[in-house]
C-alpha atoms as a PDB file:
ATOM      1  CA  MET A   1      81.116 126.704 120.338  1.00  0.00           C
ATOM      2  CA  LYS A   2      80.947 125.451 116.766  1.00  0.00           C
ATOM      3  CA  GLN A   3      79.799 128.098 114.318  1.00  0.00           C
ATOM      4  CA  ILE A   4      77.220 127.067 111.721  1.00  0.00           C
ATOM      5  CA  MET A   5      77.962 128.275 108.208  1.00  0.00           C
ATOM      6  CA  SER A   6      75.335 130.119 106.193  1.00  0.00           C
ATOM      7  CA  THR A   7      74.177 128.849 102.810  1.00  0.00           C
ATOM      8  CA  LYS A   8      76.168 131.637 101.116  1.00  0.00           C
ATOM      9  CA  GLN A   9      79.325 130.669 103.009  1.00  0.00           C
ATOM     10  CA  ILE A  10      78.880 127.019 102.053  1.00  0.00           C
ATOM     11  CA  GLN A  11      78.313 127.972  98.404  1.00  0.00           C
ATOM     12  CA  THR A  12      81.431 130.150  98.405  1.00  0.00           C
ATOM     13  CA  LYS A  13      83.498 127.349  99.898  1.00  0.00           C
ATOM     14  CA  LEU A  14      82.167 124.863  97.330  1.00  0.00           C
ATOM     15  CA  VAL A  15      82.919 127.249  94.435  1.00  0.00           C
ATOM     16  CA  ARG A  16      86.461 127.700  95.736  1.00  0.00           C
ATOM     17  CA  TYR A  17      86.802 123.939  96.172  1.00  0.00           C
ATOM     18  CA  ALA A  18      85.586 123.413  92.598  1.00  0.00           C
ATOM     19  CA  PHE A  19      88.044 125.990  91.237  1.00  0.00           C
ATOM     20  CA  VAL A  20      90.999 124.378  93.020  1.00  0.00           C
ATOM     21  CA  GLY A  21      89.675 120.952  92.023  1.00  0.00           C
ATOM     22  CA  ILE A  22      89.529 121.873  88.341  1.00  0.00           C
ATOM     23  CA  ALA A  23      93.067 123.251  88.449  1.00  0.00           C
ATOM     24  CA  THR A  24      94.274 120.156  90.341  1.00  0.00           C
ATOM     25  CA  SER A  25      92.493 117.864  87.875  1.00  0.00           C
ATOM     26  CA  LEU A  26      94.141 119.624  84.947  1.00  0.00           C
ATOM     27  CA  ILE A  27      97.576 119.180  86.520  1.00  0.00           C
ATOM     28  CA  ASP A  28      96.687 115.577  87.408  1.00  0.00           C
ATOM     29  CA  TYR A  29      95.556 114.693  83.879  1.00  0.00           C
ATOM     30  CA  LEU A  30      98.429 116.429  82.080  1.00  0.00           C
ATOM     31  CA  VAL A  31     101.135 114.886  84.261  1.00  0.00           C
ATOM     32  CA  PHE A  32      99.372 111.478  84.192  1.00  0.00           C
ATOM     33  CA  THR A  33      99.126 111.582  80.382  1.00  0.00           C
ATOM     34  CA  ALA A  34     102.749 112.615  79.932  1.00  0.00           C
ATOM     35  CA  ILE A  35     104.023 109.819  82.188  1.00  0.00           C
ATOM     36  CA  PHE A  36     101.615 107.282  80.648  1.00  0.00           C
ATOM     37  CA  LEU A  37     102.705 108.177  77.102  1.00  0.00           C
ATOM     38  CA  LEU A  38     106.366 107.871  78.102  1.00  0.00           C
ATOM     39  CA  SER A  39     106.022 104.654  80.108  1.00  0.00           C
ATOM     40  CA  GLY A  40     102.922 102.898  78.764  1.00  0.00           C
ATOM     41  CA  ASN A  41     102.032 101.978  82.349  1.00  0.00           C
ATOM     42  CA  TYR A  42      98.907 103.643  83.721  1.00  0.00           C
ATOM     43  CA  LEU A  43      99.472 102.638  87.349  1.00  0.00           C
ATOM     44  CA  LEU A  44     103.020 103.990  87.239  1.00  0.00           C
ATOM     45  CA  ALA A  45     101.647 107.227  85.783  1.00  0.00           C
ATOM     46  CA  GLU A  46      98.893 107.372  88.426  1.00  0.00           C
ATOM     47  CA  ASN A  47     101.435 107.128  91.224  1.00  0.00           C
ATOM     48  CA  LEU A  48     104.298 109.247  89.852  1.00  0.00           C
ATOM     49  CA  LYS A  49     102.015 112.237  89.275  1.00  0.00           C
ATOM     50  CA  LEU A  50     101.166 112.397  92.989  1.00  0.00           C
ATOM     51  CA  PRO A  51     103.876 114.810  94.210  1.00  0.00           C
ATOM     52  CA  PHE A  52     102.888 117.397  91.579  1.00  0.00           C
ATOM     53  CA  MET A  53      99.176 117.094  92.183  1.00  0.00           C
ATOM     54  CA  LEU A  54      99.324 116.867  95.985  1.00  0.00           C
ATOM     55  CA  GLY A  55     101.762 119.759  96.403  1.00  0.00           C
ATOM     56  CA  PHE A  56      99.538 122.101  94.424  1.00  0.00           C
ATOM     57  CA  ASN A  57      96.323 120.747  95.959  1.00  0.00           C
ATOM     58  CA  TYR A  58      97.453 121.072  99.578  1.00  0.00           C
ATOM     59  CA  THR A  59      98.743 124.609  99.168  1.00  0.00           C
ATOM     60  CA  ALA A  60      95.707 125.850  97.216  1.00  0.00           C
ATOM     61  CA  HIS A  61      93.162 124.310  99.588  1.00  0.00           C
ATOM     62  CA  ARG A  62      94.987 125.472 102.705  1.00  0.00           C
ATOM     63  CA  LEU A  63      95.179 129.068 101.528  1.00  0.00           C
ATOM     64  CA  PHE A  64      92.209 129.523  99.210  1.00  0.00           C
ATOM     65  CA  THR A  65      89.463 126.996  99.915  1.00  0.00           C
ATOM     66  CA  PHE A  66      89.501 126.210 103.610  1.00  0.00           C
ATOM     67  CA  GLY A  67      91.516 129.142 105.018  1.00  0.00           C
ATOM     68  CA  SER A  68      93.086 126.842 107.568  1.00  0.00           C
ATOM     69  CA  SER A  69      94.323 128.097 110.922  1.00  0.00           C
ATOM     70  CA  GLN A  70      96.005 124.897 112.106  1.00  0.00           C
ATOM     71  CA  ARG A  71      99.736 124.584 112.508  1.00  0.00           C
ATOM     72  CA  LEU A  72     101.315 123.459 109.272  1.00  0.00           C
ATOM     73  CA  GLY A  73     102.977 120.301 110.651  1.00  0.00           C
ATOM     74  CA  LYS A  74      99.904 118.817 112.310  1.00  0.00           C
ATOM     75  CA  GLU A  75      97.684 119.662 109.367  1.00  0.00           C
ATOM     76  CA  LEU A  76     100.168 118.308 106.822  1.00  0.00           C
ATOM     77  CA  ILE A  77     100.311 114.975 108.662  1.00  0.00           C
ATOM     78  CA  LYS A  78      96.502 114.765 108.618  1.00  0.00           C
ATOM     79  CA  TYR A  79      96.524 115.733 104.924  1.00  0.00           C
ATOM     80  CA  ILE A  80      99.005 112.972 104.088  1.00  0.00           C
ATOM     81  CA  LEU A  81      97.004 110.368 106.054  1.00  0.00           C
ATOM     82  CA  ALA A  82      93.739 111.469 104.430  1.00  0.00           C
ATOM     83  CA  ASN A  83      95.377 111.277 101.035  1.00  0.00           C
ATOM     84  CA  ILE A  84      96.504 107.724 101.668  1.00  0.00           C
ATOM     85  CA  VAL A  85      92.812 106.832 101.930  1.00  0.00           C
ATOM     86  CA  ILE A  86      92.019 108.947  98.865  1.00  0.00           C
ATOM     87  CA  PHE A  87      94.998 107.409  97.013  1.00  0.00           C
ATOM     88  CA  ILE A  88      93.863 103.843  97.669  1.00  0.00           C
ATOM     89  CA  THR A  89      90.317 104.706  96.628  1.00  0.00           C
ATOM     90  CA  ALA A  90      91.572 106.442  93.463  1.00  0.00           C
ATOM     91  CA  ASN A  91      93.725 103.460  92.457  1.00  0.00           C
ATOM     92  CA  VAL A  92      90.963 100.937  93.075  1.00  0.00           C
ATOM     93  CA  SER A  93      88.503 103.066  91.121  1.00  0.00           C
ATOM     94  CA  LEU A  94      90.956 103.536  88.223  1.00  0.00           C
ATOM     95  CA  VAL A  95      91.674  99.809  87.942  1.00  0.00           C
ATOM     96  CA  SER A  96      87.937  99.088  88.095  1.00  0.00           C
ATOM     97  CA  LEU A  97      87.108 101.736  85.499  1.00  0.00           C
ATOM     98  CA  VAL A  98      89.844 100.536  83.116  1.00  0.00           C
ATOM     99  CA  SER A  99      88.478  97.014  83.463  1.00  0.00           C
ATOM    100  CA  ILE A 100      84.896  98.146  82.817  1.00  0.00           C
ATOM    101  CA  LEU A 101      85.526 100.784  80.142  1.00  0.00           C
ATOM    102  CA  GLY A 102      88.588  99.293  78.427  1.00  0.00           C
ATOM    103  CA  ASP A 103      90.166 102.689  77.670  1.00  0.00           C
ATOM    104  CA  VAL A 104      92.789 104.018  80.091  1.00  0.00           C
ATOM    105  CA  GLN A 105      92.490 107.705  79.293  1.00  0.00           C
ATOM    106  CA  PHE A 106      88.678 107.703  79.271  1.00  0.00           C
ATOM    107  CA  ALA A 107      88.711 105.782  82.566  1.00  0.00           C
ATOM    108  CA  LYS A 108      91.032 108.450  84.004  1.00  0.00           C
ATOM    109  CA  LEU A 109      88.615 111.207  82.947  1.00  0.00           C
ATOM    110  CA  VAL A 110      85.694 109.388  84.601  1.00  0.00           C
ATOM    111  CA  GLN A 111      87.771 108.967  87.756  1.00  0.00           C
ATOM    112  CA  LEU A 112      88.568 112.691  87.752  1.00  0.00           C
ATOM    113  CA  LEU A 113      84.839 113.442  87.706  1.00  0.00           C
ATOM    114  CA  THR A 114      83.962 111.140  90.600  1.00  0.00           C
ATOM    115  CA  MET A 115      86.854 111.420  93.069  1.00  0.00           C
ATOM    116  CA  PRO A 116      86.427 115.121  94.002  1.00  0.00           C
ATOM    117  CA  ILE A 117      83.230 114.454  95.953  1.00  0.00           C
ATOM    118  CA  PHE A 118      84.909 111.798  98.073  1.00  0.00           C
ATOM    119  CA  SER A 119      88.030 113.944  98.444  1.00  0.00           C
ATOM    120  CA  TYR A 120      86.069 117.020  99.567  1.00  0.00           C
ATOM    121  CA  LEU A 121      84.255 115.075 102.254  1.00  0.00           C
ATOM    122  CA  VAL A 122      87.468 113.555 103.596  1.00  0.00           C
ATOM    123  CA  LEU A 123      89.473 116.805 103.559  1.00  0.00           C
ATOM    124  CA  ASN A 124      86.696 118.980 104.959  1.00  0.00           C
ATOM    125  CA  LYS A 125      85.893 116.575 107.785  1.00  0.00           C
ATOM    126  CA  LEU A 126      89.339 115.289 108.747  1.00  0.00           C
ATOM    127  CA  VAL A 127      92.005 117.819 107.757  1.00  0.00           C
ATOM    128  CA  TYR A 128      91.177 121.506 107.606  1.00  0.00           C
ATOM    129  CA  LYS A 129      90.039 123.693 110.466  1.00  0.00           C
ATOM    130  CA  SER A 130      88.878 127.091 109.268  1.00  0.00           C
ATOM    131  CA  ARG A 131      90.284 130.378 110.543  1.00  0.00           C
ATOM    132  CA  LYS A 132      87.337 132.161 108.966  1.00  0.00           C
ATOM    133  CA  SER A 133      83.735 131.275 108.200  1.00  0.00           C
ATOM    134  CA  VAL A 134      84.304 130.893 104.441  1.00  0.00           C
END
């Protein structure tokens, strides 16, 4: 039987998600900026920062946000597949934002403010199964 979460449990989960998201975004932006400044290529920077960002993000969400009880292998495969969708969406949004805004680093900041909502919905629905109510 599926357990319904209380408002407090949902709020706690969202606060934890936000905390991990802020930390992930900081890592994302710093690594992106470093690679962009070295290469001058924003799409190269967007893609080379992925291992750093995803490694931290997966571990933090598994342990801290979602408290997952699934076997690591199965969950990691779902995480990678979900992140392919998130990755494509992030790249399309970054290219669109650069085109609209004309400034790569400002476009990246806007993307970092919009992608977490989409990412949360995908990860919460498709990847993590909770071992606890929070």
